[in-house]
C-alpha atoms as a PDB file:
ATOM      1  CA  MET A   1      17.023 -14.141  31.623  1.00  0.00           C
ATOM      2  CA  SER A   2      13.957 -15.774  33.194  1.00  0.00           C
ATOM      3  CA  LYS A   3      11.341 -17.613  31.180  1.00  0.00           C
ATOM      4  CA  GLY A   4       8.770 -14.930  31.940  1.00  0.00           C
ATOM      5  CA  MET A   5      11.056 -12.177  30.594  1.00  0.00           C
ATOM      6  CA  ARG A   6      11.691 -14.172  27.424  1.00  0.00           C
ATOM      7  CA  VAL A   7       7.956 -14.672  26.882  1.00  0.00           C
ATOM      8  CA  GLY A   8       7.396 -10.962  27.423  1.00  0.00           C
ATOM      9  CA  LYS A   9      10.012 -10.043  24.848  1.00  0.00           C
ATOM     10  CA  TYR A  10       8.517 -12.473  22.336  1.00  0.00           C
ATOM     11  CA  LYS A  11       5.080 -11.011  22.857  1.00  0.00           C
ATOM     12  CA  GLU A  12       6.430  -7.513  22.363  1.00  0.00           C
ATOM     13  CA  LEU A  13       8.206  -8.605  19.175  1.00  0.00           C
ATOM     14  CA  LEU A  14       5.088 -10.208  17.781  1.00  0.00           C
ATOM     15  CA  LEU A  15       3.060  -7.106  18.649  1.00  0.00           C
ATOM     16  CA  ASN A  16       5.568  -4.851  16.852  1.00  0.00           C
ATOM     17  CA  ILE A  17       5.521  -7.135  13.804  1.00  0.00           C
ATOM     18  CA  ALA A  18       1.712  -7.058  13.785  1.00  0.00           C
ATOM     19  CA  LEU A  19       1.688  -3.225  14.066  1.00  0.00           C
ATOM     20  CA  PHE A  20       4.186  -2.842  11.220  1.00  0.00           C
ATOM     21  CA  ALA A  21       2.102  -5.237   9.092  1.00  0.00           C
ATOM     22  CA  LEU A  22      -1.123  -3.354   9.889  1.00  0.00           C
ATOM     23  CA  ASN A  23       0.555  -0.050   9.085  1.00  0.00           C
ATOM     24  CA  THR A  24       1.918  -1.310   5.751  1.00  0.00           C
ATOM     25  CA  ILE A  25      -1.263  -3.056   4.656  1.00  0.00           C
ATOM     26  CA  SER A  26      -3.607  -0.175   5.577  1.00  0.00           C
ATOM     27  CA  THR A  27      -1.511   2.578   4.000  1.00  0.00           C
ATOM     28  CA  LYS A  28      -0.907   0.544   0.837  1.00  0.00           C
ATOM     29  CA  LEU A  29      -4.579  -0.320   0.562  1.00  0.00           C
ATOM     30  CA  ILE A  30      -5.620   3.370   0.873  1.00  0.00           C
ATOM     31  CA  THR A  31      -3.077   4.365  -1.761  1.00  0.00           C
ATOM     32  CA  PHE A  32      -4.345   1.543  -4.006  1.00  0.00           C
ATOM     33  CA  LEU A  33      -7.929   2.739  -3.641  1.00  0.00           C
ATOM     34  CA  LEU A  34      -6.919   6.321  -4.575  1.00  0.00           C
ATOM     35  CA  VAL A  35      -5.552   5.301  -7.987  1.00  0.00           C
ATOM     36  CA  PRO A  36      -9.004   5.326  -9.712  1.00  0.00           C
ATOM     37  CA  LEU A  37      -9.647   8.834  -8.290  1.00  0.00           C
ATOM     38  CA  TYR A  38      -6.395  10.182  -9.683  1.00  0.00           C
ATOM     39  CA  THR A  39      -6.752   8.448 -13.082  1.00  0.00           C
ATOM     40  CA  TYR A  40     -10.357   9.576 -13.523  1.00  0.00           C
ATOM     41  CA  PHE A  41     -10.096  13.256 -12.502  1.00  0.00           C
ATOM     42  CA  LEU A  42      -6.513  14.125 -13.470  1.00  0.00           C
ATOM     43  CA  THR A  43      -5.352  14.511 -17.069  1.00  0.00           C
ATOM     44  CA  ALA A  44      -2.313  12.541 -18.260  1.00  0.00           C
ATOM     45  CA  ALA A  45      -0.127  15.697 -17.887  1.00  0.00           C
ATOM     46  CA  GLN A  46      -1.431  16.368 -14.364  1.00  0.00           C
ATOM     47  CA  PHE A  47      -0.861  12.768 -13.405  1.00  0.00           C
ATOM     48  CA  GLY A  48       2.643  13.034 -14.800  1.00  0.00           C
ATOM     49  CA  ILE A  49       3.351  16.091 -12.668  1.00  0.00           C
ATOM     50  CA  THR A  50       2.253  14.306  -9.491  1.00  0.00           C
ATOM     51  CA  ASP A  51       4.553  11.376 -10.372  1.00  0.00           C
ATOM     52  CA  MET A  52       7.387  13.761 -11.178  1.00  0.00           C
ATOM     53  CA  SER A  53       7.045  15.363  -7.734  1.00  0.00           C
ATOM     54  CA  LEU A  54       7.534  11.944  -6.113  1.00  0.00           C
ATOM     55  CA  THR A  55      10.484  11.178  -8.384  1.00  0.00           C
ATOM     56  CA  VAL A  56      12.257  14.438  -7.573  1.00  0.00           C
ATOM     57  CA  LEU A  57      11.555  14.105  -3.880  1.00  0.00           C
ATOM     58  CA  GLY A  58      12.961  10.568  -3.867  1.00  0.00           C
ATOM     59  CA  LEU A  59      16.225  11.857  -5.287  1.00  0.00           C
ATOM     60  CA  ILE A  60      16.631  15.111  -3.365  1.00  0.00           C
ATOM     61  CA  SER A  61      15.393  14.196   0.148  1.00  0.00           C
ATOM     62  CA  PRO A  62      18.233  11.829   1.156  1.00  0.00           C
ATOM     63  CA  ILE A  63      20.808  14.199  -0.237  1.00  0.00           C
ATOM     64  CA  VAL A  64      19.768  17.456   1.391  1.00  0.00           C
ATOM     65  CA  THR A  65      18.789  15.857   4.718  1.00  0.00           C
ATOM     66  CA  LEU A  66      21.913  13.635   4.684  1.00  0.00           C
ATOM     67  CA  SER A  67      19.681  10.651   5.620  1.00  0.00           C
ATOM     68  CA  VAL A  68      20.011  11.856   9.206  1.00  0.00           C
ATOM     69  CA  GLY A  69      16.759  10.195  10.289  1.00  0.00           C
ATOM     70  CA  ASP A  70      18.357   6.761  10.009  1.00  0.00           C
ATOM     71  CA  ALA A  71      21.196   7.929  12.283  1.00  0.00           C
ATOM     72  CA  VAL A  72      18.700   9.199  14.815  1.00  0.00           C
ATOM     73  CA  THR A  73      16.994   5.827  14.995  1.00  0.00           C
ATOM     74  CA  ARG A  74      20.244   4.030  15.509  1.00  0.00           C
ATOM     75  CA  TYR A  75      21.794   6.247  18.145  1.00  0.00           C
ATOM     76  CA  VAL A  76      18.652   6.828  20.123  1.00  0.00           C
ATOM     77  CA  ILE A  77      18.551   3.050  20.571  1.00  0.00           C
ATOM     78  CA  ASP A  78      22.289   2.570  21.110  1.00  0.00           C
ATOM     79  CA  ASP A  79      22.845   5.554  23.388  1.00  0.00           C
ATOM     80  CA  SER A  80      19.454   6.296  24.957  1.00  0.00           C
ATOM     81  CA  ARG A  81      20.989   8.392  27.716  1.00  0.00           C
ATOM     82  CA  GLU A  82      21.838  11.062  25.148  1.00  0.00           C
ATOM     83  CA  LYS A  83      18.671  10.712  23.074  1.00  0.00           C
ATOM     84  CA  GLU A  84      17.851  14.410  23.377  1.00  0.00           C
ATOM     85  CA  ARG A  85      21.146  15.297  21.719  1.00  0.00           C
ATOM     86  CA  TYR A  86      20.622  12.979  18.772  1.00  0.00           C
ATOM     87  CA  ILE A  87      16.998  13.952  18.214  1.00  0.00           C
ATOM     88  CA  SER A  88      17.820  17.641  18.442  1.00  0.00           C
ATOM     89  CA  VAL A  89      20.748  17.372  15.992  1.00  0.00           C
ATOM     90  CA  GLY A  90      18.556  15.415  13.563  1.00  0.00           C
ATOM     91  CA  PHE A  91      15.820  18.063  13.791  1.00  0.00           C
ATOM     92  CA  TRP A  92      18.179  20.955  12.911  1.00  0.00           C
ATOM     93  CA  VAL A  93      19.943  19.000  10.161  1.00  0.00           C
ATOM     94  CA  THR A  94      16.487  18.442   8.601  1.00  0.00           C
ATOM     95  CA  VAL A  95      15.787  22.163   8.943  1.00  0.00           C
ATOM     96  CA  ILE A  96      19.005  22.920   7.015  1.00  0.00           C
ATOM     97  CA  GLY A  97      17.981  20.347   4.381  1.00  0.00           C
ATOM     98  CA  CYS A  98      14.639  22.125   3.891  1.00  0.00           C
ATOM     99  CA  VAL A  99      16.422  25.486   3.551  1.00  0.00           C
ATOM    100  CA  VAL A 100      18.714  23.956   0.886  1.00  0.00           C
ATOM    101  CA  MET A 101      15.619  22.730  -0.967  1.00  0.00           C
ATOM    102  CA  LEU A 102      14.169  26.204  -0.794  1.00  0.00           C
ATOM    103  CA  VAL A 103      17.376  27.679  -2.287  1.00  0.00           C
ATOM    104  CA  ILE A 104      17.427  25.233  -5.212  1.00  0.00           C
ATOM    105  CA  LEU A 105      13.653  25.345  -5.735  1.00  0.00           C
ATOM    106  CA  PRO A 106      13.906  27.455  -8.971  1.00  0.00           C
ATOM    107  CA  ILE A 107      15.497  24.485 -10.763  1.00  0.00           C
ATOM    108  CA  LEU A 108      12.001  22.955 -10.940  1.00  0.00           C
ATOM    109  CA  ASP A 109      11.205  25.573 -13.609  1.00  0.00           C
ATOM    110  CA  LEU A 110      13.498  23.777 -16.052  1.00  0.00           C
ATOM    111  CA  PRO A 111      11.704  21.886 -18.864  1.00  0.00           C
ATOM    112  CA  LEU A 112      13.312  18.660 -17.654  1.00  0.00           C
ATOM    113  CA  PHE A 113      10.811  18.631 -14.780  1.00  0.00           C
ATOM    114  CA  GLY A 114       7.792  18.741 -17.046  1.00  0.00           C
ATOM    115  CA  GLY A 115       5.977  21.735 -15.560  1.00  0.00           C
ATOM    116  CA  LEU A 116       6.509  20.859 -11.890  1.00  0.00           C
ATOM    117  CA  GLY A 117       7.811  24.431 -11.477  1.00  0.00           C
ATOM    118  CA  ASP A 118       4.236  25.701 -11.851  1.00  0.00           C
ATOM    119  CA  TYR A 119       3.486  24.010  -8.551  1.00  0.00           C
ATOM    120  CA  LYS A 120       6.867  24.527  -6.876  1.00  0.00           C
ATOM    121  CA  TRP A 121       5.448  26.194  -3.741  1.00  0.00           C
ATOM    122  CA  TYR A 122       2.981  23.371  -3.264  1.00  0.00           C
ATOM    123  CA  TYR A 123       5.900  20.996  -3.743  1.00  0.00           C
ATOM    124  CA  MET A 124       8.015  22.916  -1.186  1.00  0.00           C
ATOM    125  CA  ILE A 125       5.336  22.636   1.510  1.00  0.00           C
ATOM    126  CA  TYR A 126       4.883  18.982   0.661  1.00  0.00           C
ATOM    127  CA  PHE A 127       8.646  18.433   0.851  1.00  0.00           C
ATOM    128  CA  ILE A 128       8.789  19.937   4.360  1.00  0.00           C
ATOM    129  CA  THR A 129       5.813  17.972   5.744  1.00  0.00           C
ATOM    130  CA  LEU A 130       6.953  14.684   4.210  1.00  0.00           C
ATOM    131  CA  ASN A 131      10.503  14.963   5.518  1.00  0.00           C
ATOM    132  CA  TYR A 132       9.423  15.933   9.024  1.00  0.00           C
ATOM    133  CA  ASN A 133       6.800  13.227   9.026  1.00  0.00           C
ATOM    134  CA  GLY A 134       9.494  10.703   8.082  1.00  0.00           C
ATOM    135  CA  TYR A 135      11.977  12.154  10.606  1.00  0.00           C
ATOM    136  CA  LEU A 136       9.493  11.983  13.472  1.00  0.00           C
ATOM    137  CA  GLY A 137       8.671   8.404  12.389  1.00  0.00           C
ATOM    138  CA  ASN A 138      12.353   7.554  12.815  1.00  0.00           C
ATOM    139  CA  VAL A 139      12.290   9.174  16.263  1.00  0.00           C
ATOM    140  CA  ALA A 140       9.269   7.124  17.217  1.00  0.00           C
ATOM    141  CA  ARG A 141      11.018   3.954  16.071  1.00  0.00           C
ATOM    142  CA  GLY A 142      14.107   4.764  18.080  1.00  0.00           C
ATOM    143  CA  LEU A 143      12.040   5.505  21.202  1.00  0.00           C
ATOM    144  CA  ASP A 144      10.050   2.260  20.698  1.00  0.00           C
ATOM    145  CA  ARG A 145       6.819   4.180  20.200  1.00  0.00           C
ATOM    146  CA  ILE A 146       5.652   1.717  17.549  1.00  0.00           C
ATOM    147  CA  LYS A 147       1.949   2.022  18.409  1.00  0.00           C
ATOM    148  CA  LEU A 148       2.109   5.790  17.964  1.00  0.00           C
ATOM    149  CA  MET A 149       3.998   5.440  14.699  1.00  0.00           C
ATOM    150  CA  ALA A 150       1.422   3.014  13.270  1.00  0.00           C
ATOM    151  CA  ALA A 151      -1.502   5.162  14.454  1.00  0.00           C
ATOM    152  CA  ALA A 152       0.039   8.326  12.967  1.00  0.00           C
ATOM    153  CA  SER A 153       0.713   6.644   9.649  1.00  0.00           C
ATOM    154  CA  ILE A 154      -2.812   5.248   9.371  1.00  0.00           C
ATOM    155  CA  ALA A 155      -4.369   8.550  10.400  1.00  0.00           C
ATOM    156  CA  SER A 156      -2.219  10.395   7.845  1.00  0.00           C
ATOM    157  CA  SER A 157      -3.328   8.029   5.067  1.00  0.00           C
ATOM    158  CA  LEU A 158      -6.984   8.384   5.972  1.00  0.00           C
ATOM    159  CA  VAL A 159      -6.843  12.207   6.067  1.00  0.00           C
ATOM    160  CA  SER A 160      -4.964  12.327   2.756  1.00  0.00           C
ATOM    161  CA  ALA A 161      -7.476   9.952   1.123  1.00  0.00           C
ATOM    162  CA  SER A 162     -10.590  11.718   2.404  1.00  0.00           C
ATOM    163  CA  SER A 163      -9.294  15.215   1.637  1.00  0.00           C
ATOM    164  CA  ALA A 164      -8.167  14.091  -1.867  1.00  0.00           C
ATOM    165  CA  SER A 165     -11.677  12.751  -2.532  1.00  0.00           C
ATOM    166  CA  VAL A 166     -13.216  16.124  -1.547  1.00  0.00           C
ATOM    167  CA  LEU A 167     -10.617  18.480  -3.032  1.00  0.00           C
ATOM    168  CA  ILE A 168     -10.113  16.569  -6.327  1.00  0.00           C
ATOM    169  CA  GLY A 169     -13.428  14.756  -6.804  1.00  0.00           C
ATOM    170  CA  VAL A 170     -15.833  17.380  -5.473  1.00  0.00           C
ATOM    171  CA  LEU A 171     -14.109  20.769  -5.633  1.00  0.00           C
ATOM    172  CA  GLY A 172     -12.093  20.041  -8.819  1.00  0.00           C
ATOM    173  CA  TRP A 173      -8.782  21.291  -7.457  1.00  0.00           C
ATOM    174  CA  GLU A 174      -6.981  18.607  -9.509  1.00  0.00           C
ATOM    175  CA  THR A 175      -3.156  18.918  -9.130  1.00  0.00           C
ATOM    176  CA  GLU A 176      -3.457  21.486  -6.343  1.00  0.00           C
ATOM    177  CA  GLY A 177      -5.816  19.211  -4.534  1.00  0.00           C
ATOM    178  CA  TYR A 178      -3.317  16.347  -4.795  1.00  0.00           C
ATOM    179  CA  PHE A 179      -0.591  18.352  -3.086  1.00  0.00           C
ATOM    180  CA  VAL A 180      -2.898  19.845  -0.463  1.00  0.00           C
ATOM    181  CA  SER A 181      -4.311  16.451   0.501  1.00  0.00           C
ATOM    182  CA  LEU A 182      -0.792  15.049   0.985  1.00  0.00           C
ATOM    183  CA  VAL A 183       0.180  18.079   3.089  1.00  0.00           C
ATOM    184  CA  LEU A 184      -2.936  17.709   5.284  1.00  0.00           C
ATOM    185  CA  GLY A 185      -2.134  14.003   5.818  1.00  0.00           C
ATOM    186  CA  GLY A 186       1.448  14.807   6.712  1.00  0.00           C
ATOM    187  CA  LEU A 187       0.431  17.569   9.151  1.00  0.00           C
ATOM    188  CA  THR A 188      -1.980  15.147  10.836  1.00  0.00           C
ATOM    189  CA  SER A 189       0.834  12.768  11.510  1.00  0.00           C
ATOM    190  CA  ILE A 190       3.217  15.495  12.678  1.00  0.00           C
ATOM    191  CA  CYS A 191       0.606  16.815  15.109  1.00  0.00           C
ATOM    192  CA  MET A 192       0.114  13.348  16.581  1.00  0.00           C
ATOM    193  CA  TYR A 193       3.853  12.964  17.152  1.00  0.00           C
ATOM    194  CA  LEU A 194       4.090  16.374  18.795  1.00  0.00           C
ATOM    195  CA  LEU A 195       0.850  16.371  20.818  1.00  0.00           C
ATOM    196  CA  ILE A 196       0.610  12.697  21.805  1.00  0.00           C
ATOM    197  CA  GLY A 197       4.301  11.678  21.689  1.00  0.00           C
ATOM    198  CA  HIS A 198       5.567  15.059  22.991  1.00  0.00           C
ATOM    199  CA  PHE A 199       8.633  14.700  20.760  1.00  0.00           C
ATOM    200  CA  GLY A 200       9.102  18.446  20.698  1.00  0.00           C
ATOM    201  CA  ARG A 201      10.538  18.338  24.227  1.00  0.00           C
ATOM    202  CA  TYR A 202      13.685  16.677  22.916  1.00  0.00           C
ATOM    203  CA  VAL A 203      14.579  19.566  20.583  1.00  0.00           C
ATOM    204  CA  GLY A 204      16.825  22.246  21.985  1.00  0.00           C
ATOM    205  CA  VAL A 205      18.769  25.276  20.714  1.00  0.00           C
ATOM    206  CA  PRO A 206      21.745  24.051  18.658  1.00  0.00           C
ATOM    207  CA  LYS A 207      25.222  24.637  20.124  1.00  0.00           C
ATOM    208  CA  TYR A 208      27.955  23.361  17.836  1.00  0.00           C
ATOM    209  CA  ARG A 209      30.610  23.061  20.531  1.00  0.00           C
ATOM    210  CA  ASN A 210      28.357  20.941  22.694  1.00  0.00           C
ATOM    211  CA  ASP A 211      26.902  18.888  19.846  1.00  0.00           C
ATOM    212  CA  GLU A 212      30.015  18.516  17.640  1.00  0.00           C
ATOM    213  CA  LYS A 213      30.794  14.941  18.577  1.00  0.00           C
ATOM    214  CA  TYR A 214      27.147  13.894  18.125  1.00  0.00           C
ATOM    215  CA  ILE A 215      26.980  15.604  14.700  1.00  0.00           C
ATOM    216  CA  LYS A 216      30.141  13.853  13.508  1.00  0.00           C
ATOM    217  CA  ARG A 217      29.014  10.478  14.826  1.00  0.00           C
ATOM    218  CA  MET A 218      25.597  10.746  13.159  1.00  0.00           C
ATOM    219  CA  LEU A 219      26.927  11.977   9.822  1.00  0.00           C
ATOM    220  CA  LEU A 220      29.610   9.320   9.647  1.00  0.00           C
ATOM    221  CA  TYR A 221      26.823   6.790   9.908  1.00  0.00           C
ATOM    222  CA  ALA A 222      24.194   8.541   7.681  1.00  0.00           C
ATOM    223  CA  ILE A 223      26.204   9.915   4.736  1.00  0.00           C
ATOM    224  CA  PRO A 224      27.332   6.470   3.448  1.00  0.00           C
ATOM    225  CA  LEU A 225      23.616   5.596   3.248  1.00  0.00           C
ATOM    226  CA  ILE A 226      22.989   8.308   0.647  1.00  0.00           C
ATOM    227  CA  PRO A 227      24.500   6.399  -2.331  1.00  0.00           C
ATOM    228  CA  ASN A 228      22.258   3.440  -1.516  1.00  0.00           C
ATOM    229  CA  SER A 229      19.161   5.688  -1.736  1.00  0.00           C
ATOM    230  CA  ILE A 230      20.408   7.149  -5.002  1.00  0.00           C
ATOM    231  CA  PHE A 231      20.986   3.732  -6.542  1.00  0.00           C
ATOM    232  CA  TRP A 232      17.498   2.627  -5.551  1.00  0.00           C
ATOM    233  CA  TRP A 233      16.172   5.807  -7.124  1.00  0.00           C
ATOM    234  CA  VAL A 234      18.116   5.237 -10.325  1.00  0.00           C
ATOM    235  CA  GLY A 235      16.549   1.802 -10.643  1.00  0.00           C
ATOM    236  CA  THR A 236      12.977   3.132 -10.212  1.00  0.00           C
ATOM    237  CA  GLY A 237      12.843   6.792 -11.099  1.00  0.00           C
ATOM    238  CA  VAL A 238      15.467   7.949 -13.568  1.00  0.00           C
ATOM    239  CA  ASN A 239      13.432   6.744 -16.564  1.00  0.00           C
ATOM    240  CA  ARG A 240      10.822   9.411 -15.738  1.00  0.00           C
ATOM    241  CA  PHE A 241      13.288  12.120 -16.725  1.00  0.00           C
ATOM    242  CA  PHE A 242      14.163  10.452 -19.985  1.00  0.00           C
ATOM    243  CA  ILE A 243      10.516   9.957 -20.930  1.00  0.00           C
ATOM    244  CA  THR A 244       9.633  13.558 -19.953  1.00  0.00           C
ATOM    245  CA  ALA A 245      12.631  15.014 -21.816  1.00  0.00           C
ATOM    246  CA  MET A 246      11.928  13.050 -24.998  1.00  0.00           C
ATOM    247  CA  LEU A 247       8.123  12.779 -25.059  1.00  0.00           C
ATOM    248  CA  GLY A 248       6.793  15.330 -22.589  1.00  0.00           C
ATOM    249  CA  ILE A 249       5.102  15.129 -19.223  1.00  0.00           C
ATOM    250  CA  GLY A 250       1.800  14.077 -20.808  1.00  0.00           C
ATOM    251  CA  SER A 251       3.342  10.938 -22.286  1.00  0.00           C
ATOM    252  CA  SER A 252       4.998  10.114 -18.956  1.00  0.00           C
ATOM    253  CA  GLY A 253       1.671  10.517 -17.135  1.00  0.00           C
ATOM    254  CA  PHE A 254      -0.182   8.504 -19.810  1.00  0.00           C
ATOM    255  CA  LEU A 255       2.233   5.563 -19.496  1.00  0.00           C
ATOM    256  CA  LEU A 256       2.043   5.615 -15.747  1.00  0.00           C
ATOM    257  CA  ARG A 257      -1.781   5.869 -15.758  1.00  0.00           C
ATOM    258  CA  ARG A 258      -1.966   2.957 -18.188  1.00  0.00           C
ATOM    259  CA  ALA A 259       0.303   0.839 -16.034  1.00  0.00           C
ATOM    260  CA  LYS A 260      -1.702   1.491 -12.891  1.00  0.00           C
ATOM    261  CA  SER A 261      -5.045   1.148 -14.596  1.00  0.00           C
ATOM    262  CA  ARG A 262      -4.208  -2.428 -15.601  1.00  0.00           C
ATOM    263  CA  ILE A 263      -4.535  -3.348 -11.934  1.00  0.00           C
ATOM    264  CA  PHE A 264      -8.286  -2.636 -12.213  1.00  0.00           C
END
């Protein structure tokens, strides 16, 4: 490899690192600035429901989607000649995961989930947009579309923040406004991937006989990642269920609001 090629690769690496850093810092900052809005306009119970939605999603998403997005990233990089196959398989596995979530949606009516069932259709739409936003982000990473991924993430955060300010702070939609703002942010990102990245062209009609080897290869890689996601969730989210079951969703939201309010 010539010196010029090495320098070019180092520049590309540094640019990607800078884009990832910008993406992380900007999205975290926007989320940080939204905390006062949520804590001021939402009651403790409403705040607890928003947190419960994130807790449930963190547990269910990797299970029903089989963590297929991680497999898409890997095999699009390793076997770029067949990238259309891997991206298409990942898309349809995610569709099946969303259907499974729709089937089990009534479980959110159980008292264990602290009233999240009252907003289960909002949650379902949020679940779909979040999972496809994440899936398309994995596709972008595999295709080395880092600039697009960073731009989509930042745009999504800005739309979520601005719409939350209007829907919750001005229109008083409260919990509904929380979900709608996140859906709008997710749709913004998805539209950028589809309209600017043209990722939709990689998705074809599924044919099991033609895609069987790709499905097996991807699932053999992705399924062992599911326990890792679950163990991370246990360390950060399982206590929400215990608090809600014993003290109620209001107490869970109060404790979370108090913890986040200390930052300010």
